[in-house]
C-alpha atoms as a PDB file:
ATOM      1  CA  MET A   1     104.114 -39.949  20.343  1.00  0.00           C
ATOM      2  CA  SER A   2     100.424 -39.232  20.304  1.00  0.00           C
ATOM      3  CA  PRO A   3      98.353 -36.191  21.391  1.00  0.00           C
ATOM      4  CA  PRO A   4      95.116 -37.931  22.470  1.00  0.00           C
ATOM      5  CA  ARG A   5      93.036 -34.942  23.556  1.00  0.00           C
ATOM      6  CA  ASP A   6      92.909 -32.502  20.633  1.00  0.00           C
ATOM      7  CA  THR A   7      93.058 -34.101  17.206  1.00  0.00           C
ATOM      8  CA  ASN A   8      93.049 -30.837  15.273  1.00  0.00           C
ATOM      9  CA  VAL A   9      96.211 -29.117  16.457  1.00  0.00           C
ATOM     10  CA  GLY A  10      99.484 -30.033  18.110  1.00  0.00           C
ATOM     11  CA  VAL A  11     100.257 -29.580  21.785  1.00  0.00           C
ATOM     12  CA  THR A  12     101.070 -25.931  22.509  1.00  0.00           C
ATOM     13  CA  SER A  13     102.878 -24.024  25.235  1.00  0.00           C
ATOM     14  CA  GLY A  14     101.925 -24.128  28.913  1.00  0.00           C
ATOM     15  CA  SER A  15     102.043 -26.795  31.594  1.00  0.00           C
ATOM     16  CA  LYS A  16     101.222 -30.219  30.116  1.00  0.00           C
ATOM     17  CA  ARG A  17     100.677 -33.696  31.484  1.00  0.00           C
ATOM     18  CA  VAL A  18     102.897 -36.168  29.624  1.00  0.00           C
ATOM     19  CA  GLY A  19     102.004 -39.851  29.895  1.00  0.00           C
ATOM     20  CA  PHE A  20     104.655 -42.536  29.441  1.00  0.00           C
ATOM     21  CA  ILE A  21     103.941 -46.098  28.322  1.00  0.00           C
ATOM     22  CA  LEU A  22     106.725 -48.669  28.564  1.00  0.00           C
ATOM     23  CA  LYS A  23     107.203 -52.388  28.969  1.00  0.00           C
ATOM     24  CA  PRO A  24     108.312 -53.308  32.487  1.00  0.00           C
ATOM     25  CA  ASP A  25     111.219 -55.435  31.206  1.00  0.00           C
ATOM     26  CA  LYS A  26     112.701 -52.603  29.129  1.00  0.00           C
ATOM     27  CA  THR A  27     115.632 -51.431  31.253  1.00  0.00           C
ATOM     28  CA  GLU A  28     116.806 -48.928  28.632  1.00  0.00           C
ATOM     29  CA  ALA A  29     113.352 -47.340  28.527  1.00  0.00           C
ATOM     30  CA  GLY A  30     113.298 -47.148  32.317  1.00  0.00           C
ATOM     31  CA  ALA A  31     116.667 -45.407  32.357  1.00  0.00           C
ATOM     32  CA  LEU A  32     115.459 -42.932  29.717  1.00  0.00           C
ATOM     33  CA  LEU A  33     112.357 -42.209  31.790  1.00  0.00           C
ATOM     34  CA  GLU A  34     114.578 -41.511  34.815  1.00  0.00           C
ATOM     35  CA  ASP A  35     116.338 -38.820  32.749  1.00  0.00           C
ATOM     36  CA  LEU A  36     113.159 -37.341  31.263  1.00  0.00           C
ATOM     37  CA  VAL A  37     111.204 -36.925  34.510  1.00  0.00           C
ATOM     38  CA  PRO A  38     113.391 -34.211  36.122  1.00  0.00           C
ATOM     39  CA  TRP A  39     113.835 -32.514  32.741  1.00  0.00           C
ATOM     40  CA  LEU A  40     110.051 -32.300  32.247  1.00  0.00           C
ATOM     41  CA  ARG A  41     109.553 -31.095  35.817  1.00  0.00           C
ATOM     42  CA  ALA A  42     112.099 -28.349  35.211  1.00  0.00           C
ATOM     43  CA  GLN A  43     110.090 -27.291  32.146  1.00  0.00           C
ATOM     44  CA  GLY A  44     106.925 -27.055  34.258  1.00  0.00           C
ATOM     45  CA  HIS A  45     105.293 -30.251  32.934  1.00  0.00           C
ATOM     46  CA  VAL A  46     103.857 -33.243  34.817  1.00  0.00           C
ATOM     47  CA  PRO A  47     105.123 -36.773  33.969  1.00  0.00           C
ATOM     48  CA  VAL A  48     102.435 -39.451  34.319  1.00  0.00           C
ATOM     49  CA  VAL A  49     102.840 -43.234  34.437  1.00  0.00           C
ATOM     50  CA  THR A  50     100.398 -46.065  35.035  1.00  0.00           C
ATOM     51  CA  THR A  51     100.017 -48.256  38.113  1.00  0.00           C
ATOM     52  CA  GLU A  52     101.406 -51.111  35.988  1.00  0.00           C
ATOM     53  CA  ASP A  53     104.812 -49.373  35.995  1.00  0.00           C
ATOM     54  CA  GLN A  54     105.934 -50.647  39.376  1.00  0.00           C
ATOM     55  CA  LEU A  55     109.266 -48.772  39.431  1.00  0.00           C
ATOM     56  CA  ALA A  56     107.968 -45.298  38.628  1.00  0.00           C
ATOM     57  CA  PRO A  57     110.644 -42.607  39.152  1.00  0.00           C
ATOM     58  CA  THR A  58     110.171 -40.027  41.868  1.00  0.00           C
ATOM     59  CA  GLY A  59     108.273 -37.033  40.521  1.00  0.00           C
ATOM     60  CA  CYS A  60     105.784 -39.023  38.437  1.00  0.00           C
ATOM     61  CA  GLU A  61     102.033 -38.941  38.911  1.00  0.00           C
ATOM     62  CA  VAL A  62     100.589 -42.466  38.903  1.00  0.00           C
ATOM     63  CA  VAL A  63      97.172 -43.306  37.421  1.00  0.00           C
ATOM     64  CA  PRO A  64      95.380 -46.541  36.446  1.00  0.00           C
ATOM     65  CA  GLU A  65      96.181 -47.648  32.894  1.00  0.00           C
ATOM     66  CA  SER A  66      92.508 -47.346  31.915  1.00  0.00           C
ATOM     67  CA  GLU A  67      92.554 -43.623  32.789  1.00  0.00           C
ATOM     68  CA  MET A  68      95.781 -42.653  31.043  1.00  0.00           C
ATOM     69  CA  GLY A  69      94.144 -41.468  27.824  1.00  0.00           C
ATOM     70  CA  GLU A  70      91.738 -39.188  29.663  1.00  0.00           C
ATOM     71  CA  VAL A  71      94.224 -37.384  31.887  1.00  0.00           C
ATOM     72  CA  VAL A  72      97.248 -36.652  29.681  1.00  0.00           C
ATOM     73  CA  ASP A  73      97.863 -34.112  26.922  1.00  0.00           C
ATOM     74  CA  LEU A  74     100.576 -36.181  25.252  1.00  0.00           C
ATOM     75  CA  ALA A  75     101.271 -39.939  25.292  1.00  0.00           C
ATOM     76  CA  VAL A  76     104.813 -41.230  24.747  1.00  0.00           C
ATOM     77  CA  ALA A  77     105.811 -44.866  24.137  1.00  0.00           C
ATOM     78  CA  LEU A  78     109.316 -45.745  25.324  1.00  0.00           C
ATOM     79  CA  GLY A  79     111.215 -48.874  24.364  1.00  0.00           C
ATOM     80  CA  GLY A  80     109.625 -49.873  21.061  1.00  0.00           C
ATOM     81  CA  ASP A  81     106.140 -50.472  19.702  1.00  0.00           C
ATOM     82  CA  GLY A  82     105.982 -54.246  19.333  1.00  0.00           C
ATOM     83  CA  GLN A  83     106.501 -54.346  15.536  1.00  0.00           C
ATOM     84  CA  LEU A  84     110.234 -53.868  14.892  1.00  0.00           C
ATOM     85  CA  GLY A  85     110.022 -50.225  15.897  1.00  0.00           C
ATOM     86  CA  PHE A  86     108.073 -49.057  12.829  1.00  0.00           C
ATOM     87  CA  LEU A  87     106.229 -46.508  14.980  1.00  0.00           C
ATOM     88  CA  ALA A  88     109.233 -45.466  17.051  1.00  0.00           C
ATOM     89  CA  GLY A  89     110.057 -42.277  15.194  1.00  0.00           C
ATOM     90  CA  PHE A  90     112.823 -40.960  17.450  1.00  0.00           C
ATOM     91  CA  ALA A  91     115.981 -42.438  18.921  1.00  0.00           C
ATOM     92  CA  PRO A  92     116.605 -42.208  22.699  1.00  0.00           C
ATOM     93  CA  SER A  93     119.226 -39.528  22.055  1.00  0.00           C
ATOM     94  CA  GLU A  94     116.521 -37.403  20.372  1.00  0.00           C
ATOM     95  CA  ALA A  95     113.964 -37.775  23.180  1.00  0.00           C
ATOM     96  CA  GLN A  96     114.319 -34.350  24.800  1.00  0.00           C
ATOM     97  CA  GLU A  97     114.466 -32.520  21.467  1.00  0.00           C
ATOM     98  CA  ALA A  98     111.427 -34.381  20.124  1.00  0.00           C
ATOM     99  CA  LEU A  99     109.428 -33.828  23.310  1.00  0.00           C
ATOM    100  CA  ALA A 100     110.276 -30.134  23.352  1.00  0.00           C
ATOM    101  CA  ALA A 101     109.119 -29.779  19.743  1.00  0.00           C
ATOM    102  CA  ALA A 102     105.907 -31.719  20.426  1.00  0.00           C
ATOM    103  CA  LEU A 103     105.063 -29.711  23.537  1.00  0.00           C
ATOM    104  CA  THR A 104     105.421 -26.426  21.657  1.00  0.00           C
ATOM    105  CA  GLY A 105     103.406 -27.522  18.627  1.00  0.00           C
ATOM    106  CA  LYS A 106     106.395 -27.724  16.288  1.00  0.00           C
ATOM    107  CA  LEU A 107     105.933 -31.337  15.185  1.00  0.00           C
ATOM    108  CA  ALA A 108     103.609 -32.182  12.310  1.00  0.00           C
ATOM    109  CA  LEU A 109     100.690 -34.526  12.957  1.00  0.00           C
ATOM    110  CA  THR A 110      99.775 -37.662  11.061  1.00  0.00           C
ATOM    111  CA  ARG A 111      96.625 -39.762  11.269  1.00  0.00           C
ATOM    112  CA  ARG A 112      96.602 -43.558  11.276  1.00  0.00           C
ATOM    113  CA  MET A 113      93.496 -45.527  10.393  1.00  0.00           C
ATOM    114  CA  ARG A 114      92.111 -47.867  13.058  1.00  0.00           C
ATOM    115  CA  LEU A 115      89.774 -50.836  12.778  1.00  0.00           C
ATOM    116  CA  ALA A 116      86.397 -50.974  14.468  1.00  0.00           C
ATOM    117  CA  VAL A 117      85.991 -54.660  15.335  1.00  0.00           C
ATOM    118  CA  ALA A 118      82.473 -55.797  16.252  1.00  0.00           C
ATOM    119  CA  PHE A 119      82.227 -59.276  17.792  1.00  0.00           C
ATOM    120  CA  LYS A 120      78.690 -60.689  17.733  1.00  0.00           C
ATOM    121  CA  ARG A 121      77.366 -63.791  19.450  1.00  0.00           C
ATOM    122  CA  PRO A 122      73.713 -64.862  19.206  1.00  0.00           C
ATOM    123  CA  SER A 123      71.646 -63.804  22.234  1.00  0.00           C
ATOM    124  CA  ALA A 124      74.428 -61.537  23.535  1.00  0.00           C
ATOM    125  CA  GLU A 125      75.234 -57.846  23.239  1.00  0.00           C
ATOM    126  CA  PRO A 126      77.829 -57.020  20.553  1.00  0.00           C
ATOM    127  CA  VAL A 127      81.330 -56.200  21.782  1.00  0.00           C
ATOM    128  CA  VAL A 128      83.265 -53.492  19.917  1.00  0.00           C
ATOM    129  CA  ARG A 129      87.029 -53.111  20.180  1.00  0.00           C
ATOM    130  CA  TYR A 130      89.428 -50.892  18.236  1.00  0.00           C
ATOM    131  CA  ALA A 131      92.689 -51.939  16.616  1.00  0.00           C
ATOM    132  CA  LEU A 132      95.609 -49.920  15.329  1.00  0.00           C
ATOM    133  CA  ASN A 133      97.254 -53.014  13.848  1.00  0.00           C
ATOM    134  CA  ASP A 134      94.973 -55.971  13.263  1.00  0.00           C
ATOM    135  CA  ALA A 135      92.230 -58.351  14.225  1.00  0.00           C
ATOM    136  CA  VAL A 136      93.024 -62.052  13.912  1.00  0.00           C
ATOM    137  CA  LEU A 137      90.663 -65.035  13.810  1.00  0.00           C
ATOM    138  CA  HIS A 138      92.827 -68.069  14.471  1.00  0.00           C
ATOM    139  CA  GLN A 139      93.166 -71.550  15.854  1.00  0.00           C
ATOM    140  CA  GLY A 140      94.262 -71.524  19.480  1.00  0.00           C
ATOM    141  CA  ALA A 141      96.469 -74.120  21.141  1.00  0.00           C
ATOM    142  CA  MET A 142      95.698 -77.024  18.784  1.00  0.00           C
ATOM    143  CA  ALA A 143      97.643 -77.295  15.530  1.00  0.00           C
ATOM    144  CA  ARG A 144      94.766 -77.872  13.145  1.00  0.00           C
ATOM    145  CA  LEU A 145      93.226 -76.007  10.219  1.00  0.00           C
ATOM    146  CA  VAL A 146      90.096 -73.948  10.709  1.00  0.00           C
ATOM    147  CA  GLU A 147      87.520 -73.201   8.008  1.00  0.00           C
ATOM    148  CA  ILE A 148      86.581 -69.498   7.852  1.00  0.00           C
ATOM    149  CA  ASP A 149      84.025 -67.922   5.517  1.00  0.00           C
ATOM    150  CA  ALA A 150      84.858 -64.354   4.474  1.00  0.00           C
ATOM    151  CA  PHE A 151      82.455 -61.741   3.110  1.00  0.00           C
ATOM    152  CA  VAL A 152      83.001 -58.160   1.901  1.00  0.00           C
ATOM    153  CA  ASP A 153      79.937 -55.891   2.040  1.00  0.00           C
ATOM    154  CA  GLY A 154      77.762 -58.988   2.166  1.00  0.00           C
ATOM    155  CA  GLU A 155      79.343 -60.637  -0.882  1.00  0.00           C
ATOM    156  CA  PHE A 156      80.941 -64.034  -0.348  1.00  0.00           C
ATOM    157  CA  VAL A 157      84.697 -63.973  -0.982  1.00  0.00           C
ATOM    158  CA  ALA A 158      85.934 -67.461  -0.154  1.00  0.00           C
ATOM    159  CA  SER A 159      85.971 -70.237   2.401  1.00  0.00           C
ATOM    160  CA  TYR A 160      89.532 -70.356   3.712  1.00  0.00           C
ATOM    161  CA  ARG A 161      91.074 -73.468   5.253  1.00  0.00           C
ATOM    162  CA  ALA A 162      94.033 -72.092   7.163  1.00  0.00           C
ATOM    163  CA  ASP A 163      95.520 -71.516  10.591  1.00  0.00           C
ATOM    164  CA  GLY A 164      93.584 -68.254  10.600  1.00  0.00           C
ATOM    165  CA  LEU A 165      92.878 -64.942   8.888  1.00  0.00           C
ATOM    166  CA  ILE A 166      94.398 -61.526   9.590  1.00  0.00           C
ATOM    167  CA  VAL A 167      92.578 -58.262   8.877  1.00  0.00           C
ATOM    168  CA  ALA A 168      95.123 -55.443   9.138  1.00  0.00           C
ATOM    169  CA  THR A 169      95.308 -51.679   8.792  1.00  0.00           C
ATOM    170  CA  PRO A 170      98.114 -50.017   6.796  1.00  0.00           C
ATOM    171  CA  THR A 171      99.955 -49.556  10.108  1.00  0.00           C
ATOM    172  CA  GLY A 172      99.461 -53.230  10.937  1.00  0.00           C
ATOM    173  CA  SER A 173     100.546 -54.327   7.472  1.00  0.00           C
ATOM    174  CA  THR A 174     104.159 -54.349   8.695  1.00  0.00           C
ATOM    175  CA  ALA A 175     103.323 -56.480  11.755  1.00  0.00           C
ATOM    176  CA  TYR A 176     101.743 -59.972  11.810  1.00  0.00           C
ATOM    177  CA  ASN A 177     100.352 -59.406   8.311  1.00  0.00           C
ATOM    178  CA  MET A 178     103.855 -59.001   6.865  1.00  0.00           C
ATOM    179  CA  ALA A 179     105.117 -62.094   8.702  1.00  0.00           C
ATOM    180  CA  ALA A 180     102.245 -64.092   7.163  1.00  0.00           C
ATOM    181  CA  GLY A 181     103.196 -62.937   3.655  1.00  0.00           C
ATOM    182  CA  GLY A 182     100.637 -60.156   3.341  1.00  0.00           C
ATOM    183  CA  PRO A 183     101.194 -56.913   1.394  1.00  0.00           C
ATOM    184  CA  ILE A 184     102.831 -53.840   2.892  1.00  0.00           C
ATOM    185  CA  VAL A 185     100.504 -50.825   2.632  1.00  0.00           C
ATOM    186  CA  VAL A 186     101.917 -47.302   2.872  1.00  0.00           C
ATOM    187  CA  PRO A 187     100.373 -45.476   5.868  1.00  0.00           C
ATOM    188  CA  GLY A 188      97.731 -42.955   4.881  1.00  0.00           C
ATOM    189  CA  GLN A 189      96.025 -45.270   2.410  1.00  0.00           C
ATOM    190  CA  ASP A 190      92.370 -46.072   3.054  1.00  0.00           C
ATOM    191  CA  ALA A 191      92.666 -49.825   2.928  1.00  0.00           C
ATOM    192  CA  MET A 192      92.529 -53.076   4.866  1.00  0.00           C
ATOM    193  CA  THR A 193      94.374 -56.300   4.102  1.00  0.00           C
ATOM    194  CA  LEU A 194      92.858 -59.781   4.381  1.00  0.00           C
ATOM    195  CA  THR A 195      95.650 -62.335   4.733  1.00  0.00           C
ATOM    196  CA  PRO A 196      95.354 -66.086   5.366  1.00  0.00           C
ATOM    197  CA  ILE A 197      97.801 -67.692   7.803  1.00  0.00           C
ATOM    198  CA  CYS A 198      99.372 -70.849   6.356  1.00  0.00           C
ATOM    199  CA  ALA A 199      96.473 -71.511   3.986  1.00  0.00           C
ATOM    200  CA  HIS A 200      95.907 -75.130   2.880  1.00  0.00           C
ATOM    201  CA  ALA A 201      95.423 -73.963  -0.736  1.00  0.00           C
ATOM    202  CA  LEU A 202      98.463 -72.341  -2.344  1.00  0.00           C
ATOM    203  CA  THR A 203      96.131 -70.201  -4.468  1.00  0.00           C
ATOM    204  CA  ALA A 204      94.645 -68.473  -1.396  1.00  0.00           C
ATOM    205  CA  ARG A 205      96.292 -65.073  -1.765  1.00  0.00           C
ATOM    206  CA  PRO A 206      96.077 -61.909   0.377  1.00  0.00           C
ATOM    207  CA  LEU A 207      93.586 -59.224  -0.612  1.00  0.00           C
ATOM    208  CA  VAL A 208      93.616 -55.424  -0.304  1.00  0.00           C
ATOM    209  CA  ILE A 209      90.128 -54.055   0.435  1.00  0.00           C
ATOM    210  CA  GLY A 210      88.824 -50.506   0.689  1.00  0.00           C
ATOM    211  CA  ALA A 211      88.597 -49.136   4.225  1.00  0.00           C
ATOM    212  CA  SER A 212      84.940 -48.149   3.822  1.00  0.00           C
ATOM    213  CA  ALA A 213      83.978 -51.784   3.185  1.00  0.00           C
ATOM    214  CA  THR A 214      82.857 -54.160   5.920  1.00  0.00           C
ATOM    215  CA  ILE A 215      84.663 -57.475   6.224  1.00  0.00           C
ATOM    216  CA  ARG A 216      82.658 -60.228   7.909  1.00  0.00           C
ATOM    217  CA  LEU A 217      84.193 -63.479   9.120  1.00  0.00           C
ATOM    218  CA  GLN A 218      82.439 -66.557  10.469  1.00  0.00           C
ATOM    219  CA  LEU A 219      83.265 -70.217  10.872  1.00  0.00           C
ATOM    220  CA  GLY A 220      82.479 -72.354   7.868  1.00  0.00           C
ATOM    221  CA  GLY A 221      82.263 -75.606   9.827  1.00  0.00           C
ATOM    222  CA  ASP A 222      82.379 -77.077  13.305  1.00  0.00           C
ATOM    223  CA  ALA A 223      85.566 -76.064  15.076  1.00  0.00           C
ATOM    224  CA  ARG A 224      86.947 -75.984  18.616  1.00  0.00           C
ATOM    225  CA  GLY A 225      89.482 -73.722  20.254  1.00  0.00           C
ATOM    226  CA  VAL A 226      89.144 -70.835  17.782  1.00  0.00           C
ATOM    227  CA  LEU A 227      89.944 -67.337  19.095  1.00  0.00           C
ATOM    228  CA  ILE A 228      89.409 -63.746  17.965  1.00  0.00           C
ATOM    229  CA  THR A 229      92.156 -61.353  19.094  1.00  0.00           C
ATOM    230  CA  VAL A 230      92.394 -57.588  18.610  1.00  0.00           C
ATOM    231  CA  ASP A 231      95.863 -56.023  18.577  1.00  0.00           C
ATOM    232  CA  ALA A 232      96.979 -58.983  20.721  1.00  0.00           C
ATOM    233  CA  GLN A 233      95.459 -57.083  23.671  1.00  0.00           C
ATOM    234  CA  TRP A 234      91.911 -58.435  23.751  1.00  0.00           C
ATOM    235  CA  GLY A 235      90.780 -61.944  22.975  1.00  0.00           C
ATOM    236  CA  HIS A 236      87.624 -64.043  23.067  1.00  0.00           C
ATOM    237  CA  SER A 237      86.576 -67.571  22.167  1.00  0.00           C
ATOM    238  CA  PHE A 238      84.942 -67.844  18.739  1.00  0.00           C
ATOM    239  CA  LEU A 239      82.218 -70.437  18.265  1.00  0.00           C
ATOM    240  CA  PRO A 240      80.079 -71.624  15.336  1.00  0.00           C
ATOM    241  CA  GLY A 241      77.383 -68.966  14.906  1.00  0.00           C
ATOM    242  CA  ASP A 242      79.633 -66.135  16.069  1.00  0.00           C
ATOM    243  CA  VAL A 243      80.383 -63.296  13.636  1.00  0.00           C
ATOM    244  CA  VAL A 244      83.063 -60.607  13.585  1.00  0.00           C
ATOM    245  CA  GLU A 245      82.724 -57.509  11.384  1.00  0.00           C
ATOM    246  CA  MET A 246      85.516 -55.031  10.677  1.00  0.00           C
ATOM    247  CA  THR A 247      85.646 -51.643   9.001  1.00  0.00           C
ATOM    248  CA  ALA A 248      87.515 -48.364   9.391  1.00  0.00           C
ATOM    249  CA  ALA A 249      86.890 -46.702  12.746  1.00  0.00           C
ATOM    250  CA  ALA A 250      85.299 -43.265  12.685  1.00  0.00           C
ATOM    251  CA  LYS A 251      88.262 -41.745  14.581  1.00  0.00           C
ATOM    252  CA  PRO A 252      91.865 -42.417  13.562  1.00  0.00           C
ATOM    253  CA  LEU A 253      94.849 -42.420  15.889  1.00  0.00           C
ATOM    254  CA  VAL A 254      96.556 -39.022  15.814  1.00  0.00           C
ATOM    255  CA  MET A 255     100.338 -39.170  16.125  1.00  0.00           C
ATOM    256  CA  PHE A 256     103.267 -36.845  15.836  1.00  0.00           C
ATOM    257  CA  LYS A 257     105.059 -37.431  12.551  1.00  0.00           C
ATOM    258  CA  SER A 258     108.610 -38.742  12.577  1.00  0.00           C
ATOM    259  CA  THR A 259     111.324 -36.774  10.818  1.00  0.00           C
ATOM    260  CA  GLN A 260     112.086 -39.996   8.925  1.00  0.00           C
ATOM    261  CA  SER A 261     109.977 -40.948   5.924  1.00  0.00           C
ATOM    262  CA  PHE A 262     108.158 -44.288   5.843  1.00  0.00           C
ATOM    263  CA  PHE A 263     110.611 -45.538   3.223  1.00  0.00           C
ATOM    264  CA  ASP A 264     113.590 -44.471   5.354  1.00  0.00           C
ATOM    265  CA  VAL A 265     112.165 -46.635   8.128  1.00  0.00           C
ATOM    266  CA  MET A 266     111.516 -49.544   5.751  1.00  0.00           C
ATOM    267  CA  ARG A 267     115.112 -49.518   4.518  1.00  0.00           C
ATOM    268  CA  ASP A 268     116.392 -49.332   8.074  1.00  0.00           C
ATOM    269  CA  LYS A 269     114.132 -51.946   9.684  1.00  0.00           C
ATOM    270  CA  LEU A 270     113.926 -54.415   6.793  1.00  0.00           C
ATOM    271  CA  HIS A 271     117.482 -53.837   5.581  1.00  0.00           C
ATOM    272  CA  TRP A 272     116.411 -53.009   2.070  1.00  0.00           C
ATOM    273  CA  GLY A 273     119.316 -52.023  -0.145  1.00  0.00           C
ATOM    274  CA  ALA A 274     119.820 -48.359  -1.087  1.00  0.00           C
ATOM    275  CA  ARG A 275     122.370 -47.197  -3.630  1.00  0.00           C
ATOM    276  CA  SER A 276     124.321 -44.184  -2.440  1.00  0.00           C
ATOM    277  CA  ASP A 277     123.715 -42.276  -5.686  1.00  0.00           C
ATOM    278  CA  LYS A 278     119.911 -42.614  -5.491  1.00  0.00           C
ATOM    279  CA  LYS A 279     119.196 -41.141  -2.085  1.00  0.00           C
ATOM    280  CA  ALA A 280     116.170 -38.877  -1.690  1.00  0.00           C
ATOM    281  CA  LYS A 281     116.355 -37.333  -5.179  1.00  0.00           C
ATOM    282  CA  GLY A 282     114.828 -40.222  -7.105  1.00  0.00           C
ATOM    283  CA  GLY A 283     117.751 -40.470  -9.501  1.00  0.00           C
ATOM    284  CA  SER A 284     117.751 -43.102 -12.248  1.00  0.00           C
END
C-alpha cells in the first residue's frame, strides 16, 4: 500500500479516496475488492478503480489509469506485485485490518529508492521514465548476443557481450536481477546493481554501485533488435548512438511498512531454512 499524496505523514482520519490496482485475470483479487468496497463505503471512504478494471464493483468511482495517482489518498495493490509477492505485505485475511490502520495513520511508512532512467537519441528530446524495480537493455526477439559498453560516472567499466544488462534498485534486486544471478540488496540501501544476462564471459560478474552514481549504457557495436525497457511497462528500440543513463530518482516511492521483516519475507518466498531455536532473537 502506498500513500502517494503526502510523503511526510501517514493517511489520517476523515473521508479518503482509496485507489485499487489489480490484474484483470486475478479472480481472488476481484472477490476481495467486492468485499472491501461496501466496507469502505460504510466507513465513509470512496473506493476508486481505473477504466482498465472492466468489472468494477458497484460503488466504485472509475477514473483513467493515468489519473489514479492524482486523485487518491491511498493506493492499494491487490493480487500480488509481479515479483513473487515481495511487496505484498498483508494477506487477504488482513486486508480490512491493514486498511483501517493505514487510513488512521497507524502504519509506519517506508521509502523505496526509484531509478530515474533517461533515454537519449541524437537529434531527439530525452525521454525520462522512473522505475521501482529495474531498467533492462536487452536483445529482443532474436537469440543473439549484444555488445554493451557500461560507464559509471564517466569511467569505462567494461564491454559486456551478453543477452543484456539489468540495472536494478534494492527493491528490484529480488526480481529479474535475482533470476539473472544478481545480488540481493536489503531495501533501504542506497545502491544499484548492474547485472549481465547470460554473459558470454564467465568472469563478467554483477556489480553493486552507489545510488548517487550515474550508470551509462550504450551499444559497443552494430546491433539490431535491441530494446530498452523500464519496469517492463515502457519500452523503446535502442540503436547505435543511443544512450541510457540511470541514477537514483529525487523522490522515492513511499509505502506503508509490512508487519513482516524483509528477512521474514525472504524465508517465506525463497524457502530459506530457519531453525526453530534461532527465531528473531539471533541466537547462536
